[in-house]
Amino acid sequence: MYSLYSWGSPFESEGLYSFDASCVSAQTYLQLCKAEWQLFQVNSTGISQNGCLPALLYQDSKIESGFWRTVQFLKNQGYNLDADLDEEQISQSSAYISMIQDGLVDSLLFSWYLVSENFVEATRPRLAKLFGFPLSLAIPTQLQDYAVRRLKAVGISSEVEDANKAADDETMPGSLRSKLPRIYLLAKEGFRRHADKSTHPIYGQADQYLAALSKKLDKKQYFFGDKPTTLDTVAYGCLSLIVYVDLPQNTLKTTIVEKYSNLIAFCDRIHAHLSPPTIVSEQSFLGGMGSIVKHAKSRYTNISTVPPNSKRADPNLPVQVRSVVGALFVFFGYVIYNGILSAPVSEQPPGVFTVIPDL
């Protein structure tokens, strides 16, 4: 039996068992190829060989990590959803998959994390409930920071926030702005969270990607005919997190519903074929806290280790230890002071914890 290690999900009531598109795609691949498997919901990447999820184990041995390496291993084991595709179709499949993973997923991240109203009223509370207190004090913001960095790397930012910042720079002297109380600036940002971002250019790009997928699917059951392929699992992994997740500003879902009904039918078709997986929880509070410490340490310090077999004590070790402890206090003080996270009230036991996934 295969064991798939995956991030957890606050959307299980909607039939989705991860908030990560790659994990949903891997789960879908295992179901559609009819492999015998079980799902492990974890709160760290310790099981992964390269620090990313999903990770696949077979007969208690670590096999592969990441969606592509997991799929390639399954293909070598005889679970090949692309077996009936010719070379041209395989080339087309790769192109569409790249478009989804490099383009459409960016739109999804923007909608979840950079639209302030969505993050404050939907994304953050759901993730906080999933992680549980006190892990919820840090991880949702870490995920948001990752999304911001990923999008900025390709030149995408919040158009409204950029415009507001530019207006402030023009109307307020820098010296005056720097002297304003931090709480005032935070309150001012809070009033902007309801700004409408439905006209942001990233949604225009997403519309083009969706149009291309809709045209490729046309009236077929799946993208290459009557049988699902890897492209179908990747498309479902992303589209399902748009179609079945409600947000205050749900521009992506509105676009699909109003213009691409065949993509809705495609998601519903695959959704109906999937059954709830056998879930084994491997949640560890200490493992989760260890991941927070690792993230904080890597952010604030750079500690060198003593070479193996060395008898010399490191004279800087006490200073380095104090730096790590101080960094942790600064990190948690920052998140609590900003007041951007709160502990959810839930009768459920603490949920899974995750470090930032490589989407």
Protein backbone atom coordinates (compact mmCIF):
# COMPACT_ATOMS: atom_id res chain seq x y z
CA MET A 1 0.00 0.00 0.00
CA TYR A 2 1.18 3.50 -0.84
CA SER A 3 1.25 6.18 1.84
CA LEU A 4 0.85 9.79 0.71
CA TYR A 5 2.00 12.47 3.14
CA SER A 6 0.15 15.70 2.55
CA TRP A 7 -0.75 19.05 4.08
CA GLY A 8 -4.07 19.02 5.87
CA SER A 9 -7.26 20.76 4.83
CA PRO A 10 -9.85 23.12 6.32
CA PHE A 11 -12.13 22.13 3.41
CA GLU A 12 -12.92 18.49 4.18
CA SER A 13 -16.63 19.30 4.32
CA GLU A 14 -16.32 20.31 0.66
CA GLY A 15 -14.56 17.02 -0.20
CA LEU A 16 -11.08 18.55 -0.45
CA TYR A 17 -8.32 16.99 1.66
CA SER A 18 -5.56 19.58 1.37
CA PHE A 19 -5.27 23.35 0.92
CA ASP A 20 -2.27 22.80 -1.38
CA ALA A 21 -2.92 22.33 -5.10
CA SER A 22 -0.03 19.89 -5.62
CA CYS A 23 -1.24 17.69 -2.77
CA VAL A 24 -4.79 17.66 -4.12
CA SER A 25 -3.41 16.72 -7.55
CA ALA A 26 -1.39 13.83 -6.13
CA GLN A 27 -4.39 12.55 -4.18
CA THR A 28 -6.50 12.72 -7.34
CA TYR A 29 -3.87 10.86 -9.37
CA LEU A 30 -3.78 8.00 -6.85
CA GLN A 31 -7.56 7.69 -6.89
CA LEU A 32 -7.96 7.84 -10.66
CA CYS A 33 -5.23 5.27 -11.30
CA LYS A 34 -6.94 2.98 -8.77
CA ALA A 35 -3.86 2.46 -6.60
CA GLU A 36 -4.23 1.22 -3.03
CA TRP A 37 -3.21 4.08 -0.77
CA GLN A 38 -3.79 5.93 2.47
CA LEU A 39 -3.47 9.60 3.32
CA PHE A 40 -1.25 10.87 6.12
CA GLN A 41 -1.98 14.43 7.23
CA VAL A 42 1.24 15.85 8.68
CA ASN A 43 2.37 19.12 10.22
CA SER A 44 5.99 19.26 9.03
CA THR A 45 8.12 18.32 6.05
CA GLY A 46 10.37 15.99 8.05
CA ILE A 47 9.15 12.98 6.08
CA SER A 48 10.17 14.61 2.79
CA GLN A 49 13.55 14.04 1.18
CA ASN A 50 13.72 17.50 -0.37
CA GLY A 51 11.62 19.50 2.08
CA CYS A 52 8.38 19.62 0.11
CA LEU A 53 5.07 17.80 0.00
CA PRO A 54 3.39 15.63 -1.16
CA ALA A 55 5.71 12.76 -0.27
CA LEU A 56 5.10 9.12 -1.23
CA LEU A 57 6.10 6.07 0.78
CA TYR A 58 5.85 2.47 -0.32
CA GLN A 59 6.30 -0.47 2.04
CA ASP A 60 7.49 1.93 4.75
CA SER A 61 10.36 3.18 2.58
CA LYS A 62 10.71 6.80 1.50
CA ILE A 63 10.30 7.00 -2.26
CA GLU A 64 9.75 10.44 -3.73
CA SER A 65 8.78 13.97 -2.74
CA GLY A 66 6.97 16.56 -4.82
CA PHE A 67 4.17 16.04 -7.30
CA TRP A 68 6.23 15.27 -10.42
CA ARG A 69 8.60 12.80 -8.80
CA THR A 70 5.67 11.09 -7.10
CA VAL A 71 3.81 10.73 -10.40
CA GLN A 72 6.91 9.47 -12.21
CA PHE A 73 7.42 6.76 -9.58
CA LEU A 74 3.79 5.67 -9.89
CA LYS A 75 4.15 5.51 -13.68
CA ASN A 76 7.19 3.26 -13.28
CA GLN A 77 5.08 1.06 -11.01
CA GLY A 78 2.51 0.62 -13.76
CA TYR A 79 0.05 3.35 -12.70
CA ASN A 80 0.40 5.45 -15.82
CA LEU A 81 -2.55 7.66 -16.66
CA ASP A 82 -0.72 8.87 -19.79
CA ALA A 83 -0.12 5.43 -21.27
CA ASP A 84 -2.49 6.01 -24.20
CA LEU A 85 -1.11 9.43 -25.18
CA ASP A 86 1.18 9.86 -28.18
CA GLU A 87 4.26 12.11 -28.18
CA GLU A 88 2.38 15.16 -29.44
CA GLN A 89 -0.30 14.78 -26.78
CA ILE A 90 2.33 14.35 -24.07
CA SER A 91 4.00 17.55 -25.26
CA GLN A 92 0.65 19.37 -25.16
CA SER A 93 -0.04 18.00 -21.70
CA SER A 94 3.29 19.32 -20.39
CA ALA A 95 2.57 22.77 -21.81
CA TYR A 96 -0.89 22.98 -20.21
CA ILE A 97 0.42 21.69 -16.89
CA SER A 98 3.14 24.34 -16.85
CA MET A 99 0.52 26.99 -17.59
CA ILE A 100 -1.55 25.83 -14.62
CA GLN A 101 1.28 25.44 -12.13
CA ASP A 102 3.12 28.62 -13.12
CA GLY A 103 0.15 30.86 -13.97
CA LEU A 104 -3.20 29.79 -12.60
CA VAL A 105 -1.78 28.82 -9.21
CA ASP A 106 -0.34 32.35 -8.92
CA SER A 107 -3.85 33.71 -9.41
CA LEU A 108 -5.13 31.39 -6.70
CA LEU A 109 -2.42 32.54 -4.28
CA PHE A 110 -3.19 36.17 -5.05
CA SER A 111 -6.88 35.62 -4.37
CA TRP A 112 -6.24 33.85 -1.06
CA TYR A 113 -3.40 35.90 0.39
CA LEU A 114 -3.08 39.29 -1.33
CA VAL A 115 -6.75 40.24 -1.39
CA SER A 116 -6.94 41.58 2.16
CA GLU A 117 -10.65 40.93 2.64
CA ASN A 118 -10.25 37.29 1.59
CA PHE A 119 -7.24 36.73 3.85
CA VAL A 120 -8.72 38.42 6.93
CA GLU A 121 -12.26 37.02 6.68
CA ALA A 122 -11.72 33.60 5.09
CA THR A 123 -8.20 32.30 4.53
CA ARG A 124 -6.65 33.19 7.86
CA PRO A 125 -9.55 31.99 10.09
CA ARG A 126 -9.76 28.67 8.23
CA LEU A 127 -6.02 28.05 8.47
CA ALA A 128 -6.02 29.12 12.12
CA LYS A 129 -8.71 26.56 12.90
CA LEU A 130 -6.73 23.92 11.01
CA PHE A 131 -3.43 24.57 12.81
CA GLY A 132 -4.90 25.17 16.24
CA PHE A 133 -3.64 27.48 18.97
CA PRO A 134 -0.83 28.48 19.47
CA LEU A 135 0.55 27.41 16.07
CA SER A 136 -2.12 29.55 14.43
CA LEU A 137 -0.32 32.65 15.72
CA ALA A 138 2.44 32.27 13.16
CA ILE A 139 1.75 29.93 10.27
CA PRO A 140 -1.02 31.73 8.33
CA THR A 141 1.16 34.83 8.13
CA GLN A 142 4.15 32.72 7.06
CA LEU A 143 2.07 31.32 4.23
CA GLN A 144 1.02 34.82 3.25
CA ASP A 145 4.65 35.98 3.26
CA TYR A 146 5.57 33.07 0.99
CA ALA A 147 2.79 33.95 -1.44
CA VAL A 148 3.88 37.60 -1.51
CA ARG A 149 7.51 36.64 -2.23
CA ARG A 150 6.54 34.16 -4.93
CA LEU A 151 4.30 36.66 -6.70
CA LYS A 152 6.75 39.53 -6.38
CA ALA A 153 9.41 37.34 -7.99
CA VAL A 154 7.34 37.35 -11.17
CA GLY A 155 6.41 41.02 -10.90
CA ILE A 156 2.96 40.64 -9.31
CA SER A 157 1.87 42.76 -6.36
CA SER A 158 -1.30 44.24 -4.94
CA GLU A 159 -2.25 47.08 -7.27
CA VAL A 160 -4.44 48.79 -4.69
CA GLU A 161 -1.80 48.69 -1.96
CA ASP A 162 0.81 50.06 -4.38
CA ALA A 163 -1.52 52.92 -5.32
CA ASN A 164 -2.26 53.70 -1.67
CA LYS A 165 1.41 53.66 -0.78
CA ALA A 166 2.20 55.99 -3.66
CA ALA A 167 -0.53 58.39 -2.54
CA ASP A 168 0.83 58.41 1.00
CA ASP A 169 4.34 59.06 -0.26
CA GLU A 170 3.11 62.04 -2.25
CA THR A 171 0.95 63.61 0.47
CA MET A 172 2.86 62.83 3.65
CA PRO A 173 6.50 63.69 4.37
CA GLY A 174 8.60 60.67 5.14
CA SER A 175 9.72 62.09 8.47
CA LEU A 176 6.12 62.61 9.57
CA ARG A 177 5.02 59.14 8.44
CA SER A 178 7.90 57.55 10.34
CA LYS A 179 6.78 59.29 13.55
CA LEU A 180 3.18 58.13 13.39
CA PRO A 181 2.26 55.47 15.95
CA ARG A 182 2.42 51.95 14.56
CA ILE A 183 -1.12 51.25 15.75
CA TYR A 184 -2.42 54.14 13.64
CA LEU A 185 -0.79 52.79 10.50
CA LEU A 186 -2.18 49.32 11.21
CA ALA A 187 -5.68 50.72 11.72
CA LYS A 188 -5.43 52.66 8.46
CA GLU A 189 -4.49 49.50 6.60
CA GLY A 190 -7.48 47.76 8.18
CA PHE A 191 -9.90 50.22 6.60
CA ARG A 192 -8.50 49.32 3.17
CA ARG A 193 -9.08 45.61 3.43
CA HIS A 194 -12.45 45.83 1.67
CA ALA A 195 -10.92 47.47 -1.42
CA ASP A 196 -12.19 45.81 -4.59
CA LYS A 197 -9.34 44.07 -6.44
CA SER A 198 -11.46 42.31 -9.06
CA THR A 199 -9.88 44.47 -11.80
CA HIS A 200 -6.30 43.53 -10.93
CA PRO A 201 -4.33 42.48 -14.08
CA ILE A 202 -3.66 39.02 -12.66
CA TYR A 203 -7.33 38.14 -13.13
CA GLY A 204 -7.09 39.09 -16.80
CA GLN A 205 -4.19 36.68 -17.16
CA ALA A 206 -6.13 33.99 -15.31
CA ASP A 207 -9.06 34.51 -17.69
CA GLN A 208 -6.75 33.74 -20.61
CA TYR A 209 -5.53 30.55 -18.93
CA LEU A 210 -9.08 29.47 -18.18
CA ALA A 211 -10.13 30.19 -21.76
CA ALA A 212 -7.29 28.01 -23.05
CA LEU A 213 -8.28 25.15 -20.73
CA SER A 214 -11.95 25.50 -21.66
CA LYS A 215 -11.14 25.40 -25.37
CA LYS A 216 -8.92 22.34 -24.93
CA LEU A 217 -11.57 20.51 -22.91
CA ASP A 218 -14.41 21.55 -25.24
CA LYS A 219 -17.24 19.00 -24.85
CA LYS A 220 -15.04 16.04 -23.91
CA GLN A 221 -15.21 14.33 -20.55
CA TYR A 222 -11.48 14.81 -20.01
CA PHE A 223 -8.82 16.87 -21.77
CA PHE A 224 -7.70 14.05 -24.06
CA GLY A 225 -10.89 12.09 -24.47
CA ASP A 226 -12.81 9.64 -22.32
CA LYS A 227 -9.97 8.72 -19.94
CA PRO A 228 -8.33 10.94 -17.31
CA THR A 229 -4.65 11.81 -17.64
CA THR A 230 -2.06 13.63 -15.55
CA LEU A 231 -3.30 16.94 -16.97
CA ASP A 232 -6.76 16.23 -15.58
CA THR A 233 -5.37 15.66 -12.08
CA VAL A 234 -3.33 18.88 -12.17
CA ALA A 235 -6.23 20.92 -13.54
CA TYR A 236 -8.58 19.53 -10.90
CA GLY A 237 -6.04 20.19 -8.12
CA CYS A 238 -6.09 23.90 -8.91
CA LEU A 239 -9.65 24.40 -10.17
CA SER A 240 -11.25 22.57 -7.25
CA LEU A 241 -9.68 25.03 -4.79
CA ILE A 242 -11.33 27.81 -6.80
CA VAL A 243 -14.71 26.24 -7.51
CA TYR A 244 -15.45 24.65 -4.12
CA VAL A 245 -13.96 27.30 -1.80
CA ASP A 246 -16.04 30.40 -1.05
CA LEU A 247 -14.38 33.79 -0.55
CA PRO A 248 -15.77 37.30 0.05
CA GLN A 249 -14.16 38.49 -3.19
CA ASN A 250 -14.34 35.39 -5.38
CA THR A 251 -13.36 36.84 -8.74
CA LEU A 252 -11.83 33.62 -10.09
CA LYS A 253 -14.88 31.52 -9.25
CA THR A 254 -17.21 34.15 -10.73
CA THR A 255 -15.22 34.11 -13.97
CA ILE A 256 -15.44 30.33 -14.26
CA VAL A 257 -19.13 30.18 -13.40
CA GLU A 258 -20.10 32.94 -15.83
CA LYS A 259 -17.87 32.02 -18.78
CA TYR A 260 -16.60 28.44 -18.57
CA SER A 261 -19.39 26.09 -17.61
CA ASN A 262 -17.55 23.10 -19.09
CA LEU A 263 -14.79 23.57 -16.49
CA ILE A 264 -17.41 23.49 -13.74
CA ALA A 265 -18.83 20.28 -15.20
CA PHE A 266 -15.29 18.86 -15.44
CA CYS A 267 -14.64 19.53 -11.74
CA ASP A 268 -18.00 18.06 -10.75
CA ARG A 269 -17.32 14.97 -12.87
CA ILE A 270 -13.99 14.21 -11.20
CA HIS A 271 -15.32 15.20 -7.78
CA ALA A 272 -18.07 12.61 -8.12
CA HIS A 273 -15.52 9.89 -8.92
CA LEU A 274 -13.43 10.57 -5.83
CA SER A 275 -14.17 8.89 -2.53
CA PRO A 276 -12.99 9.98 0.93
CA PRO A 277 -9.49 8.58 1.47
CA THR A 278 -8.36 6.54 4.44
CA ILE A 279 -6.85 9.26 6.63
CA VAL A 280 -4.14 8.66 9.21
CA SER A 281 -3.24 11.74 11.24
CA GLU A 282 0.40 12.21 12.22
CA GLN A 283 0.05 15.56 13.91
CA SER A 284 2.78 16.45 16.37
CA PHE A 285 2.69 19.61 18.47
CA LEU A 286 6.41 19.37 19.21
CA GLY A 287 7.15 18.79 15.54
CA GLY A 288 5.10 21.83 14.67
CA MET A 289 6.83 24.01 17.25
CA GLY A 290 10.16 22.71 16.00
CA SER A 291 9.30 23.92 12.52
CA ILE A 292 8.39 27.37 13.87
CA VAL A 293 11.73 27.54 15.68
CA LYS A 294 13.57 26.46 12.55
CA HIS A 295 11.79 29.10 10.49
CA ALA A 296 12.49 31.85 13.04
CA LYS A 297 16.13 30.84 13.43
CA SER A 298 16.75 30.81 9.68
CA ARG A 299 15.08 34.21 9.39
CA TYR A 300 16.99 36.02 12.13
CA THR A 301 20.28 34.17 12.61
CA ASN A 302 22.92 32.20 10.80
CA ILE A 303 24.59 29.82 13.21
CA SER A 304 27.61 27.82 12.10
CA THR A 305 28.10 24.34 13.51
CA VAL A 306 31.26 22.94 15.05
CA PRO A 307 33.11 20.62 12.62
CA PRO A 308 32.80 16.90 13.40
CA ASN A 309 35.45 15.43 15.74
CA SER A 310 36.59 18.92 16.74
CA LYS A 311 37.66 19.22 20.39
CA ARG A 312 37.61 23.01 20.41
CA ALA A 313 34.60 24.67 22.00
CA ASP A 314 33.04 27.41 19.98
CA PRO A 315 33.72 30.67 21.93
CA ASN A 316 30.74 32.34 20.25
CA LEU A 317 28.26 29.64 21.20
CA PRO A 318 26.71 31.51 24.20
CA VAL A 319 26.20 34.61 22.07
CA GLN A 320 24.65 32.53 19.27
CA VAL A 321 22.28 30.80 21.70
CA ARG A 322 21.17 34.14 23.13
CA SER A 323 20.64 35.38 19.57
CA VAL A 324 18.32 32.47 18.78
CA VAL A 325 16.31 32.93 21.99
CA GLY A 326 16.08 36.66 21.43
CA ALA A 327 15.02 36.13 17.83
CA LEU A 328 12.18 33.87 18.93
CA PHE A 329 10.89 36.50 21.37
CA VAL A 330 11.10 39.14 18.64
CA PHE A 331 9.28 36.88 16.19
CA PHE A 332 6.35 36.01 18.46
CA GLY A 333 6.22 39.54 19.86
CA TYR A 334 5.91 40.87 16.33
CA VAL A 335 2.98 38.63 15.38
CA ILE A 336 1.10 39.23 18.61
CA TYR A 337 1.74 42.99 18.67
CA ASN A 338 0.44 43.44 15.15
CA GLY A 339 -2.77 41.72 16.17
CA ILE A 340 -3.10 40.06 12.79
CA LEU A 341 -3.83 36.60 14.13
CA SER A 342 -6.20 35.24 16.73
CA ALA A 343 -6.80 31.93 18.40
CA PRO A 344 -9.86 30.13 17.02
CA VAL A 345 -12.53 28.82 19.37
CA SER A 346 -13.16 25.24 18.42
CA GLU A 347 -14.14 21.98 20.01
CA GLN A 348 -11.86 20.20 17.60
CA PRO A 349 -8.38 19.12 18.76
CA PRO A 350 -5.45 21.17 17.41
CA GLY A 351 -5.11 20.74 13.64
CA VAL A 352 -2.04 20.14 11.57
CA PHE A 353 0.82 22.58 11.31
CA THR A 354 2.87 23.25 8.22
CA VAL A 355 5.84 25.24 7.15
CA ILE A 356 5.67 27.14 3.88
CA PRO A 357 5.05 24.69 0.98
CA ASP A 358 6.86 24.95 -2.34
CA LEU A 359 3.92 25.38 -4.72
